[in-house]
Amino acid sequence: MFKDAIKSLTLAAVGGASAGGSIYFLTNQNKPTTPEIKPEQIVLNIETPDKASFIPKPEELYNRRDTMNSWTHLVQTSKWDDNWDNMKFYNEKKKEKLKSEVEDYKVPNTSKQIFLVRHGQYDHSAGDTDDKHLLTALGHTQGRKAGLRLAEYFLELKCQMERKHRDKNDGNIDGFVFPKIKLVHSTMIRAKETHDEIVKVFEEKGLEFELKGGDDMIREADVYPRTPGSSDPKERANLWRDSAVSEAAFRKYFNRQEIDEEHDSFEVIVCHGNIIRYMMLRALQFPPEGWLRFCPYNGSITFLNVRKSGSVSMRWFGDVGFLNADEITFNVRKYQLA
């Protein structure tokens, strides 16, 4: 019954997406409370130590590693789901086919690089509607500097990749390709204006990019029931709608490359703090109910790398090192140095 309910919910929420993988949204509703565990019930698989000899052997630590992850401690176990995007077996089949057709076939060592940029500071006092929430002068500065930081990264990466290509081809640059950078933005005005500042910088620096336009799915939202939570009935009503959309957005943008993809791919997604926090936790397979415990500042950049194996690593979270101290804000508030 539970599997059928989850399948129906997933199909309704993401328009036919597979029911496999990790399904987070709304599954914590009416979740039973974890029973109290008494100390004598916890078994560490380690013999009772004598005197001061409580030093686990390496193999004992290895055996215990699956019971020591994240907040679950010694009660629950949660292993990495390497088929979280339902691409694992598809890529394995494709790899087998390529190996049967091409002698000594080697999988290209590439990955999908995703950059989540939070919009710049905007004017809260102009009105309650989105069209009034334009960036402040500081918000435009934050957007431009985020663009400069990204451009610096891409230009340096391009130089490194070009150097490797020359080394492999006796100094010949023929055939070298640096992929176009894809840019997408939330349809909320503050994200669109931040996106436009980044585009201006990319044009100035001569980077090749592809504009993917606006996406309603990555507008600011109540992304997931949070802990600590809220008893506001309006928030719970919003969660019923928004959490499904946020999950669908995550599945849209986060997935591994196909096994035969020959080039890295770059996606810059300009959106909002809640969306960034949710996507980051989902990608790393951490409990999403903790999203409000993270604080991405205005104009900050979060960078996640998705490999063909399905593993995900976060290179940056909420990076604002390119801003001056007096330019760092969270909405209208300045960053407090003390």
Foldseek 3Di string as FASTA:
>chain_A
DVLVVLQVVLCVLQVHDDSDADDAAPPCVVPDDDDDDDPVNFDLPDPDDDDPPPDDDPVSCVVRVQQCDDPNHNPDGDDDDLCRLVCQVVLVVVVVVVCVVDPPDDFAFAWEKEKEWEFFAWDPPQDDDLVRTERDPLRLVLLLLLLVVVLVVLVVVLVVQQVVVCVVVVRDSPPDDADAEEEEEAPRNRLVSSSVSSVVSCVVSVGHHDYPYHDPLQADFLQHQAVVGDPPVVNVVRSVRNNSSLVSVLSVPDDIDRRRDNYYYHYYYYHHQQSVLQSVCVLQVHNSNHSVVDAQWHSFMWMKIATNSRHIDTPDDNDPVSDDQQSTGHHPHRDDPD
